[in-house]
Amino acid sequence: MNVAMAMLCLIWGFNFVIMKLGNGAFPPVQFAAFRFLLGAIILLAVCFLKRIPLPKKSDIKWYVLCGVLQTTYFNIAIQISLNYVSAGLTSVLTYSMPLFLSIMAHRWIPGETLTRRKTFGIVLGIVGLFLAMNIQLGGAFWAVLLALSSAISWAVANLLFKLKLKHCDTIQFTTWQMVIGAVGLLVYSLSFENGESHWGIMPIVYILFSGVIASALAFVMWNHILSRTEASKASVSLLLVPIVGVISGIIFLDENLKIATLAGISLVLVGIWIVNSKGKEIRKGESNVVDRAR
């Protein structure tokens, strides 16, 4: 599972570079729509070949809600907020998702207790992101809230999956929520977005990587990991994604590396280690459970 999580962070982190390049060729939401439409088509083909059945009628409402929250609203909120808030601050607000998901899991998922140790690790990781992402404070307050709402919508979608759809086939869930989310993105782009598309070999490569690798494959991996791991432990590891994005930008886009970035990366790594390690607080909690059972 650790190997799968590392691969996922590498894929989504490098996709920051691909998205920056892709947004230079297409309007942002349109690029996201192309990306997820391609991912959905690939996954529909996989479902057909593997003979994965259609979702149950009783689950459809949850698929629709997850598709709207995790794909449609999430991407639209990010793209709008980027017009008014710095990219670094938007990334940090978006990847504060683990904190919200951990709080929700503590409240609604049995056995997923948000201990002081986990809380400290998550907060430390988010502070590390603030250092690493070259934050420029400022911008419209409503745009800051919009970026924060993208994290909340992503957290809610993950919570719904854990509570309502954990019994579903991972590929089935990923496919149909992506179909629904991609259609929503395309409708929004056609209705509200301006700008020209510049097609060529490299723009097609950007769509192929983002659609096949960073969408179809990566979201199947993420939902598989989430279904088998505590929400807090799985989600906090995603703090590595923007860190990989920063490093990828330095390597492939000649962006600058600062001392604050290195310090931030260190804090993120320490925060992830704290959440995923078993400390005295956890052992004490387990001991109390045993004592009560006696």
Protein backbone atom coordinates (compact mmCIF):
# COMPACT_ATOMS: atom_id res chain seq x y z
CA MET A 1 0.00 0.00 0.00
CA ASN A 2 2.91 2.38 0.72
CA VAL A 3 4.30 1.74 -2.77
CA ALA A 4 0.90 2.47 -4.34
CA MET A 5 0.61 5.70 -2.31
CA ALA A 6 4.09 6.79 -3.38
CA MET A 7 3.25 6.12 -7.04
CA LEU A 8 0.01 8.07 -6.70
CA CYS A 9 1.77 11.09 -5.20
CA LEU A 10 4.39 11.01 -7.98
CA ILE A 11 1.70 10.85 -10.68
CA TRP A 12 -0.50 13.61 -9.27
CA GLY A 13 2.52 15.73 -8.32
CA PHE A 14 4.03 15.57 -11.82
CA ASN A 15 0.57 16.31 -13.22
CA PHE A 16 0.93 19.82 -11.77
CA VAL A 17 3.51 20.41 -14.52
CA ILE A 18 1.23 18.86 -17.14
CA MET A 19 -1.72 20.99 -16.03
CA LYS A 20 0.36 24.18 -16.20
CA LEU A 21 1.38 23.30 -19.74
CA GLY A 22 -2.11 22.17 -20.68
CA ASN A 23 -3.70 25.38 -19.38
CA GLY A 24 -1.47 27.22 -21.85
CA ALA A 25 -3.13 25.35 -24.71
CA PHE A 26 -6.74 25.19 -23.50
CA PRO A 27 -9.07 27.15 -21.23
CA PRO A 28 -8.55 25.62 -17.74
CA VAL A 29 -11.96 24.03 -17.15
CA GLN A 30 -12.07 22.82 -20.75
CA PHE A 31 -8.72 21.09 -20.24
CA ALA A 32 -10.09 19.46 -17.07
CA ALA A 33 -13.20 18.37 -18.99
CA PHE A 34 -11.08 16.78 -21.76
CA ARG A 35 -8.91 15.13 -19.15
CA PHE A 36 -11.76 13.50 -17.23
CA LEU A 37 -13.77 12.65 -20.35
CA LEU A 38 -10.80 10.70 -21.68
CA GLY A 39 -10.31 9.06 -18.30
CA ALA A 40 -14.00 8.12 -18.19
CA ILE A 41 -13.87 6.62 -21.71
CA ILE A 42 -10.84 4.51 -20.77
CA LEU A 43 -12.55 3.26 -17.63
CA LEU A 44 -15.81 2.52 -19.49
CA ALA A 45 -13.78 0.33 -21.85
CA VAL A 46 -12.20 -1.44 -18.87
CA CYS A 47 -15.66 -2.02 -17.34
CA PHE A 48 -16.87 -3.50 -20.64
CA LEU A 49 -13.86 -5.81 -21.02
CA LYS A 50 -13.98 -6.94 -17.38
CA ARG A 51 -17.80 -7.20 -17.51
CA ILE A 52 -18.20 -4.96 -14.49
CA PRO A 53 -21.96 -4.38 -13.99
CA LEU A 54 -23.73 -1.04 -13.88
CA PRO A 55 -24.18 0.59 -10.47
CA LYS A 56 -27.17 -0.47 -8.39
CA LYS A 57 -30.13 1.90 -8.52
CA SER A 58 -29.85 2.48 -4.78
CA ASP A 59 -26.25 3.71 -5.23
CA ILE A 60 -26.78 6.06 -8.18
CA LYS A 61 -27.59 9.10 -6.05
CA TRP A 62 -24.28 8.69 -4.21
CA TYR A 63 -22.38 8.31 -7.49
CA VAL A 64 -23.93 11.54 -8.78
CA LEU A 65 -23.13 13.41 -5.57
CA CYS A 66 -19.53 12.14 -5.51
CA GLY A 67 -19.05 12.98 -9.20
CA VAL A 68 -20.32 16.54 -8.70
CA LEU A 69 -18.31 17.13 -5.51
CA GLN A 70 -15.03 15.37 -6.37
CA THR A 71 -14.75 16.19 -10.07
CA THR A 72 -17.08 18.98 -11.22
CA TYR A 73 -17.22 21.40 -8.29
CA PHE A 74 -13.69 20.63 -7.09
CA ASN A 75 -12.06 21.57 -10.40
CA ILE A 76 -14.28 24.57 -11.11
CA ALA A 77 -13.67 26.01 -7.62
CA ILE A 78 -9.90 25.67 -8.04
CA GLN A 79 -9.82 27.30 -11.48
CA ILE A 80 -11.98 30.26 -10.42
CA SER A 81 -10.00 30.86 -7.22
CA LEU A 82 -6.71 30.80 -9.17
CA ASN A 83 -7.86 33.99 -10.94
CA TYR A 84 -7.98 35.88 -7.64
CA VAL A 85 -5.60 34.05 -5.26
CA SER A 86 -1.99 32.94 -5.72
CA ALA A 87 -1.36 29.41 -6.99
CA GLY A 88 0.58 28.53 -3.82
CA LEU A 89 -2.21 29.59 -1.46
CA THR A 90 -4.81 27.82 -3.62
CA SER A 91 -2.78 24.59 -3.48
CA VAL A 92 -2.42 24.75 0.30
CA LEU A 93 -6.11 25.48 0.84
CA THR A 94 -7.07 22.65 -1.51
CA TYR A 95 -4.72 20.18 0.15
CA SER A 96 -6.03 21.03 3.60
CA MET A 97 -8.52 18.28 2.68
CA PRO A 98 -6.92 15.70 5.05
CA LEU A 99 -7.78 17.87 8.06
CA PHE A 100 -11.44 18.13 7.06
CA LEU A 101 -11.69 14.45 6.14
CA SER A 102 -10.08 13.40 9.42
CA ILE A 103 -12.57 15.52 11.40
CA MET A 104 -15.49 14.07 9.41
CA ALA A 105 -14.17 10.52 9.79
CA HIS A 106 -13.80 11.04 13.55
CA ARG A 107 -17.48 12.04 13.69
CA TRP A 108 -19.06 9.56 11.31
CA ILE A 109 -16.76 6.57 10.67
CA PRO A 110 -16.53 4.05 13.54
CA GLY A 111 -12.99 3.28 14.63
CA GLU A 112 -11.36 6.31 12.97
CA THR A 113 -10.53 8.42 15.99
CA LEU A 114 -8.82 11.77 15.46
CA THR A 115 -6.20 11.66 18.22
CA ARG A 116 -4.06 14.59 19.32
CA ARG A 117 -1.09 12.94 17.63
CA LYS A 118 -2.89 12.70 14.28
CA THR A 119 -4.15 16.27 14.58
CA PHE A 120 -0.65 17.55 15.31
CA GLY A 121 0.80 15.62 12.35
CA ILE A 122 -1.83 16.92 9.91
CA VAL A 123 -1.49 20.54 11.08
CA LEU A 124 2.31 20.26 10.92
CA GLY A 125 2.06 18.98 7.34
CA ILE A 126 -0.22 21.85 6.30
CA VAL A 127 2.17 24.36 7.90
CA GLY A 128 4.92 22.70 5.87
CA LEU A 129 2.89 23.29 2.71
CA PHE A 130 2.62 26.98 3.59
CA LEU A 131 6.41 27.18 3.70
CA ALA A 132 7.02 25.05 0.62
CA MET A 133 4.46 26.62 -1.74
CA ASN A 134 5.84 30.18 -1.66
CA ILE A 135 2.60 31.58 -0.29
CA GLN A 136 1.53 35.07 -1.28
CA LEU A 137 -1.22 36.18 1.04
CA GLY A 138 -3.93 38.44 -0.23
CA GLY A 139 -6.65 38.37 -2.86
CA ALA A 140 -10.42 38.39 -2.61
CA PHE A 141 -11.69 36.83 0.61
CA TRP A 142 -14.51 35.06 -1.21
CA ALA A 143 -11.94 33.42 -3.51
CA VAL A 144 -10.02 32.16 -0.47
CA LEU A 145 -13.25 30.63 0.84
CA LEU A 146 -13.93 29.15 -2.60
CA ALA A 147 -10.52 27.46 -2.66
CA LEU A 148 -11.16 26.17 0.86
CA SER A 149 -14.54 24.84 -0.25
CA SER A 150 -12.79 22.71 -2.88
CA ALA A 151 -11.01 20.89 -0.03
CA ILE A 152 -14.28 20.43 1.83
CA SER A 153 -16.09 19.11 -1.27
CA TRP A 154 -13.26 16.63 -1.89
CA ALA A 155 -13.37 15.53 1.76
CA VAL A 156 -17.15 15.05 1.66
CA ALA A 157 -16.88 12.94 -1.52
CA ASN A 158 -14.26 10.73 0.14
CA LEU A 159 -16.41 10.43 3.26
CA LEU A 160 -19.44 9.39 1.20
CA PHE A 161 -17.36 6.76 -0.54
CA LYS A 162 -16.21 5.35 2.81
CA LEU A 163 -19.73 5.41 4.28
CA LYS A 164 -22.03 4.60 1.36
CA LEU A 165 -20.03 3.04 -1.49
CA LYS A 166 -17.22 1.05 0.08
CA HIS A 167 -19.00 -2.14 -1.01
CA CYS A 168 -18.81 -1.13 -4.67
CA ASP A 169 -16.17 -2.28 -7.13
CA THR A 170 -13.42 0.36 -7.12
CA ILE A 171 -13.26 0.58 -10.92
CA GLN A 172 -17.05 0.77 -11.15
CA PHE A 173 -17.21 3.65 -8.67
CA THR A 174 -14.31 5.56 -10.23
CA THR A 175 -15.76 5.16 -13.72
CA TRP A 176 -19.26 6.42 -13.11
CA GLN A 177 -18.42 9.27 -10.75
CA MET A 178 -15.87 10.39 -13.36
CA VAL A 179 -18.42 10.19 -16.18
CA ILE A 180 -20.83 12.35 -14.18
CA GLY A 181 -18.13 14.81 -13.12
CA ALA A 182 -16.68 15.15 -16.62
CA VAL A 183 -20.08 15.92 -18.13
CA GLY A 184 -20.55 18.64 -15.50
CA LEU A 185 -17.17 20.17 -16.37
CA LEU A 186 -17.94 20.13 -20.09
CA VAL A 187 -21.33 21.78 -19.57
CA TYR A 188 -19.72 24.51 -17.43
CA SER A 189 -16.94 25.11 -19.96
CA LEU A 190 -19.34 25.38 -22.91
CA SER A 191 -21.65 27.68 -20.94
CA PHE A 192 -19.29 30.07 -19.18
CA GLU A 193 -15.71 29.74 -20.39
CA ASN A 194 -14.05 31.86 -23.07
CA GLY A 195 -10.77 31.33 -24.85
CA GLU A 196 -9.39 29.35 -27.76
CA SER A 197 -8.07 25.79 -27.90
CA HIS A 198 -4.66 25.27 -29.50
CA TRP A 199 -4.37 21.70 -30.71
CA GLY A 200 -1.08 20.05 -31.57
CA ILE A 201 1.07 17.05 -30.71
CA MET A 202 2.10 18.26 -27.26
CA PRO A 203 -1.40 19.43 -26.19
CA ILE A 204 -2.64 15.94 -27.11
CA VAL A 205 0.18 14.44 -25.02
CA TYR A 206 -0.91 16.62 -22.08
CA ILE A 207 -4.49 15.35 -22.37
CA LEU A 208 -3.33 11.74 -22.74
CA PHE A 209 -1.16 11.86 -19.61
CA SER A 210 -3.74 13.72 -17.52
CA GLY A 211 -6.61 11.60 -18.78
CA VAL A 212 -5.15 8.10 -18.84
CA ILE A 213 -2.49 8.22 -16.10
CA ALA A 214 -3.49 11.04 -13.74
CA SER A 215 -7.26 10.45 -13.98
CA ALA A 216 -8.24 6.89 -14.95
CA LEU A 217 -5.32 5.07 -13.31
CA ALA A 218 -4.64 7.44 -10.41
CA PHE A 219 -8.23 7.74 -9.18
CA VAL A 220 -8.69 3.96 -9.28
CA MET A 221 -5.52 3.72 -7.17
CA TRP A 222 -6.73 6.41 -4.76
CA ASN A 223 -10.17 4.86 -4.24
CA HIS A 224 -8.55 1.44 -3.76
CA ILE A 225 -6.21 2.87 -1.11
CA LEU A 226 -9.03 4.82 0.58
CA SER A 227 -11.24 1.73 0.79
CA ARG A 228 -8.53 -0.20 2.67
CA THR A 229 -6.91 2.48 4.87
CA GLU A 230 -8.01 4.88 7.59
CA ALA A 231 -9.19 8.13 6.02
CA SER A 232 -6.74 10.27 8.00
CA LYS A 233 -3.72 8.10 7.18
CA ALA A 234 -4.57 7.82 3.48
CA SER A 235 -5.43 11.49 2.98
CA VAL A 236 -2.50 13.01 4.90
CA SER A 237 -0.09 11.27 2.54
CA LEU A 238 -1.60 13.38 -0.25
CA LEU A 239 0.22 16.37 1.25
CA LEU A 240 3.17 15.02 -0.74
CA VAL A 241 1.37 15.74 -4.03
CA PRO A 242 1.96 19.53 -4.12
CA ILE A 243 5.49 18.91 -2.80
CA VAL A 244 6.19 16.62 -5.78
CA GLY A 245 4.58 19.32 -7.92
CA VAL A 246 7.05 21.92 -6.62
CA ILE A 247 10.02 19.60 -7.21
CA SER A 248 8.72 18.74 -10.70
CA GLY A 249 8.41 22.44 -11.47
CA ILE A 250 12.02 22.98 -10.43
CA ILE A 251 13.23 20.08 -12.61
CA PHE A 252 11.05 20.53 -15.70
CA LEU A 253 10.00 24.20 -15.66
CA ASP A 254 13.20 25.76 -14.26
CA GLU A 255 11.40 27.16 -11.23
CA ASN A 256 13.49 28.38 -8.29
CA LEU A 257 14.29 26.27 -5.21
CA LYS A 258 14.27 28.21 -1.96
CA ILE A 259 15.42 27.36 1.56
CA ALA A 260 11.82 27.78 2.77
CA THR A 261 10.75 25.12 0.26
CA LEU A 262 13.21 22.60 1.70
CA ALA A 263 12.09 23.44 5.25
CA GLY A 264 8.46 23.03 4.22
CA ILE A 265 9.12 19.67 2.57
CA SER A 266 10.80 18.48 5.78
CA LEU A 267 7.79 19.48 7.89
CA VAL A 268 5.40 17.72 5.50
CA LEU A 269 7.42 14.51 5.72
CA VAL A 270 7.54 14.70 9.53
CA GLY A 271 3.80 15.36 9.68
CA ILE A 272 3.03 12.33 7.49
CA TRP A 273 5.32 10.17 9.61
CA ILE A 274 3.59 11.29 12.82
CA VAL A 275 0.12 10.46 11.48
CA ASN A 276 1.12 7.06 10.11
CA SER A 277 3.25 5.93 13.05
CA LYS A 278 1.90 4.36 16.22
CA GLY A 279 2.75 6.57 19.18
CA LYS A 280 2.18 6.34 22.90
CA GLU A 281 -1.16 8.05 22.59
CA ILE A 282 -2.47 5.38 20.24
CA ARG A 283 -1.14 2.52 22.31
CA LYS A 284 -2.68 4.09 25.40
CA GLY A 285 -6.01 4.36 23.58
CA GLU A 286 -5.81 0.72 22.53
CA SER A 287 -4.97 -0.25 26.12
CA ASN A 288 -8.05 1.57 27.38
CA VAL A 289 -10.23 -0.29 24.88
CA VAL A 290 -8.82 -3.62 26.12
CA ASP A 291 -9.41 -2.62 29.76
CA ARG A 292 -13.03 -1.70 29.02
CA ALA A 293 -13.52 -5.00 27.20
CA ARG A 294 -12.38 -6.85 30.33
